[in-house]
């Protein structure tokens, strides 16, 4: 489980991870090795949580919101 994710959010985290994997596959539409997929998935999650602003969070990143808690 990633740093800072509390146990009560574990189900949400697993569900989101599955969704991200599916979205990434649909975008890329290619078969990758596990190592390559893990590298791409890590990059996507990094951008999603630390770089990409989210409209529903007032154009802040999830990391920004977590740091406010």
PDB file of N, CA and C in Angstrom:
ATOM      1  N   UNK A   1       0.850  -1.169   0.000  1.00  0.00           N
ATOM      2  CA  UNK A   1       0.000   0.000   0.000  1.00  0.00           C
ATOM      3  C   UNK A   1       0.899   1.236   0.000  1.00  0.00           C
ATOM      4  N   UNK A   2       0.587   2.285  -0.796  1.00  0.00           N
ATOM      5  CA  UNK A   2       1.447   3.458  -0.880  1.00  0.00           C
ATOM      6  C   UNK A   2       1.497   4.205   0.444  1.00  0.00           C
ATOM      7  N   UNK A   3       2.540   5.005   0.598  1.00  0.00           N
ATOM      8  CA  UNK A   3       2.711   5.793   1.813  1.00  0.00           C
ATOM      9  C   UNK A   3       1.538   6.747   1.999  1.00  0.00           C
ATOM     10  N   UNK A   4       1.064   6.863   3.220  1.00  0.00           N
ATOM     11  CA  UNK A   4       0.014   7.821   3.537  1.00  0.00           C
ATOM     12  C   UNK A   4      -1.403   7.318   3.295  1.00  0.00           C
ATOM     13  N   UNK A   5      -1.574   6.141   2.738  1.00  0.00           N
ATOM     14  CA  UNK A   5      -2.920   5.620   2.503  1.00  0.00           C
ATOM     15  C   UNK A   5      -3.342   4.828   3.733  1.00  0.00           C
ATOM     16  N   UNK A   6      -4.430   5.242   4.326  1.00  0.00           N
ATOM     17  CA  UNK A   6      -4.927   4.602   5.535  1.00  0.00           C
ATOM     18  C   UNK A   6      -5.687   3.327   5.175  1.00  0.00           C
ATOM     19  N   UNK A   7      -5.796   2.416   6.132  1.00  0.00           N
ATOM     20  CA  UNK A   7      -6.438   1.124   5.900  1.00  0.00           C
ATOM     21  C   UNK A   7      -7.877   1.269   5.403  1.00  0.00           C
ATOM     22  N   UNK A   8      -8.623   2.246   5.910  1.00  0.00           N
ATOM     23  CA  UNK A   8     -10.022   2.386   5.499  1.00  0.00           C
ATOM     24  C   UNK A   8     -10.147   2.764   4.020  1.00  0.00           C
ATOM     25  N   UNK A   9      -9.078   3.252   3.417  1.00  0.00           N
ATOM     26  CA  UNK A   9      -9.094   3.606   2.006  1.00  0.00           C
ATOM     27  C   UNK A   9      -8.522   2.493   1.125  1.00  0.00           C
ATOM     28  N   UNK A  10      -8.177   1.368   1.713  1.00  0.00           N
ATOM     29  CA  UNK A  10      -7.537   0.289   0.973  1.00  0.00           C
ATOM     30  C   UNK A  10      -8.408  -0.192  -0.187  1.00  0.00           C
ATOM     31  N   UNK A  11      -9.703  -0.391   0.063  1.00  0.00           N
ATOM     32  CA  UNK A  11     -10.600  -0.856  -1.000  1.00  0.00           C
ATOM     33  C   UNK A  11     -10.660   0.169  -2.131  1.00  0.00           C
ATOM     34  N   UNK A  12     -10.788   1.446  -1.791  1.00  0.00           N
ATOM     35  CA  UNK A  12     -10.845   2.507  -2.791  1.00  0.00           C
ATOM     36  C   UNK A  12      -9.555   2.531  -3.598  1.00  0.00           C
ATOM     37  N   UNK A  13      -8.418   2.369  -2.917  1.00  0.00           N
ATOM     38  CA  UNK A  13      -7.123   2.361  -3.592  1.00  0.00           C
ATOM     39  C   UNK A  13      -7.044   1.205  -4.589  1.00  0.00           C
ATOM     40  N   UNK A  14      -7.445   0.006  -4.159  1.00  0.00           N
ATOM     41  CA  UNK A  14      -7.383  -1.161  -5.041  1.00  0.00           C
ATOM     42  C   UNK A  14      -8.303  -0.989  -6.237  1.00  0.00           C
ATOM     43  N   UNK A  15      -9.493  -0.434  -6.003  1.00  0.00           N
ATOM     44  CA  UNK A  15     -10.449  -0.222  -7.078  1.00  0.00           C
ATOM     45  C   UNK A  15      -9.896   0.804  -8.072  1.00  0.00           C
ATOM     46  N   UNK A  16      -9.300   1.884  -7.583  1.00  0.00           N
ATOM     47  CA  UNK A  16      -8.746   2.923  -8.452  1.00  0.00           C
ATOM     48  C   UNK A  16      -7.562   2.377  -9.245  1.00  0.00           C
ATOM     49  N   UNK A  17      -6.722   1.567  -8.596  1.00  0.00           N
ATOM     50  CA  UNK A  17      -5.567   0.986  -9.276  1.00  0.00           C
ATOM     51  C   UNK A  17      -6.028   0.115 -10.440  1.00  0.00           C
ATOM     52  N   UNK A  18      -7.070  -0.677 -10.211  1.00  0.00           N
ATOM     53  CA  UNK A  18      -7.602  -1.528 -11.277  1.00  0.00           C
ATOM     54  C   UNK A  18      -8.123  -0.666 -12.430  1.00  0.00           C
ATOM     55  N   UNK A  19      -8.834   0.401 -12.107  1.00  0.00           N
ATOM     56  CA  UNK A  19      -9.379   1.291 -13.126  1.00  0.00           C
ATOM     57  C   UNK A  19      -8.253   1.941 -13.923  1.00  0.00           C
ATOM     58  N   UNK A  20      -7.206   2.387 -13.248  1.00  0.00           N
ATOM     59  CA  UNK A  20      -6.071   3.009 -13.933  1.00  0.00           C
ATOM     60  C   UNK A  20      -5.414   2.014 -14.873  1.00  0.00           C
ATOM     61  N   UNK A  21      -5.222   0.777 -14.417  1.00  0.00           N
ATOM     62  CA  UNK A  21      -4.622  -0.247 -15.276  1.00  0.00           C
ATOM     63  C   UNK A  21      -5.466  -0.458 -16.533  1.00  0.00           C
ATOM     64  N   UNK A  22      -6.780  -0.508 -16.369  1.00  0.00           N
ATOM     65  CA  UNK A  22      -7.669  -0.704 -17.511  1.00  0.00           C
ATOM     66  C   UNK A  22      -7.607   0.484 -18.464  1.00  0.00           C
ATOM     67  N   UNK A  23      -7.626   1.713 -17.920  1.00  0.00           N
ATOM     68  CA  UNK A  23      -7.560   2.914 -18.753  1.00  0.00           C
ATOM     69  C   UNK A  23      -6.245   2.973 -19.517  1.00  0.00           C
ATOM     70  N   UNK A  24      -5.157   2.661 -18.842  1.00  0.00           N
ATOM     71  CA  UNK A  24      -3.858   2.689 -19.486  1.00  0.00           C
ATOM     72  C   UNK A  24      -3.805   1.685 -20.631  1.00  0.00           C
ATOM     73  N   UNK A  25      -4.351   0.496 -20.408  1.00  0.00           N
ATOM     74  CA  UNK A  25      -4.361  -0.509 -21.473  1.00  0.00           C
ATOM     75  C   UNK A  25      -5.209  -0.026 -22.645  1.00  0.00           C
ATOM     76  N   UNK A  26      -6.368   0.571 -22.372  1.00  0.00           N
ATOM     77  CA  UNK A  26      -7.230   1.051 -23.454  1.00  0.00           C
ATOM     78  C   UNK A  26      -6.565   2.150 -24.266  1.00  0.00           C
ATOM     79  N   UNK A  27      -5.817   3.011 -23.601  1.00  0.00           N
ATOM     80  CA  UNK A  27      -5.119   4.099 -24.298  1.00  0.00           C
ATOM     81  C   UNK A  27      -3.997   3.531 -25.165  1.00  0.00           C
ATOM     82  N   UNK A  28      -3.206   2.665 -24.576  1.00  0.00           N
ATOM     83  CA  UNK A  28      -2.033   2.129 -25.259  1.00  0.00           C
ATOM     84  C   UNK A  28      -2.375   1.015 -26.242  1.00  0.00           C
ATOM     85  N   UNK A  29      -3.356   0.179 -25.897  1.00  0.00           N
ATOM     86  CA  UNK A  29      -3.791  -0.953 -26.724  1.00  0.00           C
ATOM     87  C   UNK A  29      -2.624  -1.844 -27.173  1.00  0.00           C
ATOM     88  N   UNK A  30      -1.731  -2.087 -26.241  1.00  0.00           N
ATOM     89  CA  UNK A  30      -0.591  -2.943 -26.527  1.00  0.00           C
ATOM     90  C   UNK A  30      -0.363  -3.870 -25.348  1.00  0.00           C
ATOM     91  N   UNK A  31       0.260  -4.976 -25.619  1.00  0.00           N
ATOM     92  CA  UNK A  31       0.649  -5.897 -24.557  1.00  0.00           C
ATOM     93  C   UNK A  31       2.069  -5.536 -24.118  1.00  0.00           C
ATOM     94  N   UNK A  32       2.283  -5.457 -22.828  1.00  0.00           N
ATOM     95  CA  UNK A  32       3.591  -5.124 -22.285  1.00  0.00           C
ATOM     96  C   UNK A  32       4.043  -6.214 -21.328  1.00  0.00           C
ATOM     97  N   UNK A  33       5.337  -6.238 -21.088  1.00  0.00           N
ATOM     98  CA  UNK A  33       5.845  -7.107 -20.040  1.00  0.00           C
ATOM     99  C   UNK A  33       5.369  -6.543 -18.711  1.00  0.00           C
ATOM    100  N   UNK A  34       5.409  -7.336 -17.680  1.00  0.00           N
ATOM    101  CA  UNK A  34       4.993  -6.864 -16.357  1.00  0.00           C
ATOM    102  C   UNK A  34       5.864  -5.704 -15.905  1.00  0.00           C
ATOM    103  N   UNK A  35       7.162  -5.797 -16.129  1.00  0.00           N
ATOM    104  CA  UNK A  35       8.066  -4.709 -15.728  1.00  0.00           C
ATOM    105  C   UNK A  35       7.744  -3.407 -16.450  1.00  0.00           C
ATOM    106  N   UNK A  36       7.481  -3.489 -17.754  1.00  0.00           N
ATOM    107  CA  UNK A  36       7.158  -2.290 -18.519  1.00  0.00           C
ATOM    108  C   UNK A  36       5.810  -1.720 -18.081  1.00  0.00           C
ATOM    109  N   UNK A  37       4.844  -2.576 -17.849  1.00  0.00           N
ATOM    110  CA  UNK A  37       3.537  -2.107 -17.407  1.00  0.00           C
ATOM    111  C   UNK A  37       3.640  -1.453 -16.032  1.00  0.00           C
ATOM    112  N   UNK A  38       4.419  -2.038 -15.134  1.00  0.00           N
ATOM    113  CA  UNK A  38       4.613  -1.433 -13.805  1.00  0.00           C
ATOM    114  C   UNK A  38       5.277  -0.064 -13.913  1.00  0.00           C
ATOM    115  N   UNK A  39       6.257   0.068 -14.812  1.00  0.00           N
ATOM    116  CA  UNK A  39       6.925   1.357 -15.006  1.00  0.00           C
ATOM    117  C   UNK A  39       5.930   2.396 -15.528  1.00  0.00           C
ATOM    118  N   UNK A  40       5.148   2.011 -16.524  1.00  0.00           N
ATOM    119  CA  UNK A  40       4.165   2.942 -17.092  1.00  0.00           C
ATOM    120  C   UNK A  40       3.069   3.283 -16.080  1.00  0.00           C
ATOM    121  N   UNK A  41       2.625   2.300 -15.341  1.00  0.00           N
ATOM    122  CA  UNK A  41       1.594   2.526 -14.345  1.00  0.00           C
ATOM    123  C   UNK A  41       2.095   3.457 -13.244  1.00  0.00           C
ATOM    124  N   UNK A  42       3.314   3.254 -12.797  1.00  0.00           N
ATOM    125  CA  UNK A  42       3.902   4.128 -11.770  1.00  0.00           C
ATOM    126  C   UNK A  42       3.992   5.564 -12.264  1.00  0.00           C
ATOM    127  N   UNK A  43       4.379   5.736 -13.514  1.00  0.00           N
ATOM    128  CA  UNK A  43       4.466   7.069 -14.099  1.00  0.00           C
ATOM    129  C   UNK A  43       3.083   7.727 -14.166  1.00  0.00           C
ATOM    130  N   UNK A  44       2.079   6.960 -14.578  1.00  0.00           N
ATOM    131  CA  UNK A  44       0.715   7.477 -14.671  1.00  0.00           C
ATOM    132  C   UNK A  44       0.192   7.885 -13.290  1.00  0.00           C
ATOM    133  N   UNK A  45       0.405   7.033 -12.294  1.00  0.00           N
ATOM    134  CA  UNK A  45      -0.065   7.322 -10.935  1.00  0.00           C
ATOM    135  C   UNK A  45       0.642   8.560 -10.376  1.00  0.00           C
ATOM    136  N   UNK A  46       1.924   8.681 -10.647  1.00  0.00           N
ATOM    137  CA  UNK A  46       2.685   9.861 -10.211  1.00  0.00           C
ATOM    138  C   UNK A  46       2.075  11.142 -10.788  1.00  0.00           C
ATOM    139  N   UNK A  47       1.825  11.142 -12.085  1.00  0.00           N
ATOM    140  CA  UNK A  47       1.216  12.316 -12.728  1.00  0.00           C
ATOM    141  C   UNK A  47      -0.184  12.572 -12.181  1.00  0.00           C
ATOM    142  N   UNK A  48      -0.982  11.504 -12.027  1.00  0.00           N
ATOM    143  CA  UNK A  48      -2.362  11.635 -11.565  1.00  0.00           C
ATOM    144  C   UNK A  48      -2.430  12.234 -10.161  1.00  0.00           C
ATOM    145  N   UNK A  49      -1.544  11.809  -9.274  1.00  0.00           N
ATOM    146  CA  UNK A  49      -1.609  12.231  -7.878  1.00  0.00           C
ATOM    147  C   UNK A  49      -0.805  13.475  -7.537  1.00  0.00           C
ATOM    148  N   UNK A  50       0.266  13.753  -8.289  1.00  0.00           N
ATOM    149  CA  UNK A  50       1.166  14.836  -7.893  1.00  0.00           C
ATOM    150  C   UNK A  50       1.268  15.976  -8.897  1.00  0.00           C
ATOM    151  N   UNK A  51       0.850  15.768 -10.130  1.00  0.00           N
ATOM    152  CA  UNK A  51       1.024  16.803 -11.156  1.00  0.00           C
ATOM    153  C   UNK A  51      -0.308  17.300 -11.704  1.00  0.00           C
ATOM    154  N   UNK A  52      -1.201  16.389 -12.041  1.00  0.00           N
ATOM    155  CA  UNK A  52      -2.463  16.722 -12.701  1.00  0.00           C
ATOM    156  C   UNK A  52      -3.457  17.351 -11.733  1.00  0.00           C
ATOM    157  N   UNK A  53      -3.854  18.614 -11.975  1.00  0.00           N
ATOM    158  CA  UNK A  53      -4.894  19.212 -11.128  1.00  0.00           C
ATOM    159  C   UNK A  53      -6.250  18.582 -11.431  1.00  0.00           C
ATOM    160  N   UNK A  54      -7.073  18.480 -10.406  1.00  0.00           N
ATOM    161  CA  UNK A  54      -8.388  17.857 -10.541  1.00  0.00           C
ATOM    162  C   UNK A  54      -9.476  18.914 -10.338  1.00  0.00           C
ATOM    163  N   UNK A  55     -10.386  18.970 -11.257  1.00  0.00           N
ATOM    164  CA  UNK A  55     -11.490  19.922 -11.175  1.00  0.00           C
ATOM    165  C   UNK A  55     -12.260  19.751  -9.865  1.00  0.00           C
ATOM    166  N   UNK A  56     -12.558  18.511  -9.500  1.00  0.00           N
ATOM    167  CA  UNK A  56     -13.361  18.246  -8.298  1.00  0.00           C
ATOM    168  C   UNK A  56     -12.634  18.626  -7.009  1.00  0.00           C
ATOM    169  N   UNK A  57     -11.336  18.850  -7.082  1.00  0.00           N
ATOM    170  CA  UNK A  57     -10.551  19.258  -5.904  1.00  0.00           C
ATOM    171  C   UNK A  57     -10.182  20.740  -5.977  1.00  0.00           C
ATOM    172  N   UNK A  58     -10.916  21.482  -6.782  1.00  0.00           N
ATOM    173  CA  UNK A  58     -10.632  22.908  -6.910  1.00  0.00           C
ATOM    174  C   UNK A  58      -9.311  23.159  -7.628  1.00  0.00           C
ATOM    175  N   UNK A  59      -9.030  22.345  -8.621  1.00  0.00           N
ATOM    176  CA  UNK A  59      -7.803  22.415  -9.415  1.00  0.00           C
ATOM    177  C   UNK A  59      -6.538  22.211  -8.581  1.00  0.00           C
ATOM    178  N   UNK A  60      -6.660  21.395  -7.570  1.00  0.00           N
ATOM    179  CA  UNK A  60      -5.514  20.973  -6.772  1.00  0.00           C
ATOM    180  C   UNK A  60      -5.258  19.500  -7.069  1.00  0.00           C
ATOM    181  N   UNK A  61      -4.081  19.037  -6.710  1.00  0.00           N
ATOM    182  CA  UNK A  61      -3.767  17.622  -6.895  1.00  0.00           C
ATOM    183  C   UNK A  61      -4.209  16.838  -5.664  1.00  0.00           C
ATOM    184  N   UNK A  62      -4.398  15.529  -5.787  1.00  0.00           N
ATOM    185  CA  UNK A  62      -4.703  14.726  -4.601  1.00  0.00           C
ATOM    186  C   UNK A  62      -3.617  14.858  -3.526  1.00  0.00           C
ATOM    187  N   UNK A  63      -2.368  14.972  -3.934  1.00  0.00           N
ATOM    188  CA  UNK A  63      -1.267  15.141  -2.974  1.00  0.00           C
ATOM    189  C   UNK A  63      -1.418  16.448  -2.203  1.00  0.00           C
ATOM    190  N   UNK A  64      -1.821  17.526  -2.901  1.00  0.00           N
ATOM    191  CA  UNK A  64      -2.055  18.809  -2.222  1.00  0.00           C
ATOM    192  C   UNK A  64      -3.138  18.662  -1.155  1.00  0.00           C
ATOM    193  N   UNK A  65      -4.200  17.967  -1.499  1.00  0.00           N
ATOM    194  CA  UNK A  65      -5.315  17.795  -0.560  1.00  0.00           C
ATOM    195  C   UNK A  65      -4.895  16.933   0.636  1.00  0.00           C
ATOM    196  N   UNK A  66      -4.112  15.898   0.374  1.00  0.00           N
ATOM    197  CA  UNK A  66      -3.639  15.040   1.460  1.00  0.00           C
ATOM    198  C   UNK A  66      -2.737  15.824   2.411  1.00  0.00           C
ATOM    199  N   UNK A  67      -1.912  16.689   1.878  1.00  0.00           N
ATOM    200  CA  UNK A  67      -1.004  17.484   2.702  1.00  0.00           C
ATOM    201  C   UNK A  67      -1.742  18.506   3.565  1.00  0.00           C
ATOM    202  N   UNK A  68      -2.954  18.884   3.171  1.00  0.00           N
ATOM    203  CA  UNK A  68      -3.760  19.807   3.961  1.00  0.00           C
ATOM    204  C   UNK A  68      -4.363  19.158   5.185  1.00  0.00           C
ATOM    205  N   UNK A  69      -4.461  17.815   5.176  1.00  0.00           N
ATOM    206  CA  UNK A  69      -5.116  17.100   6.280  1.00  0.00           C
ATOM    207  C   UNK A  69      -4.277  17.108   7.526  1.00  0.00           C
TER     208      UNK A  69
END
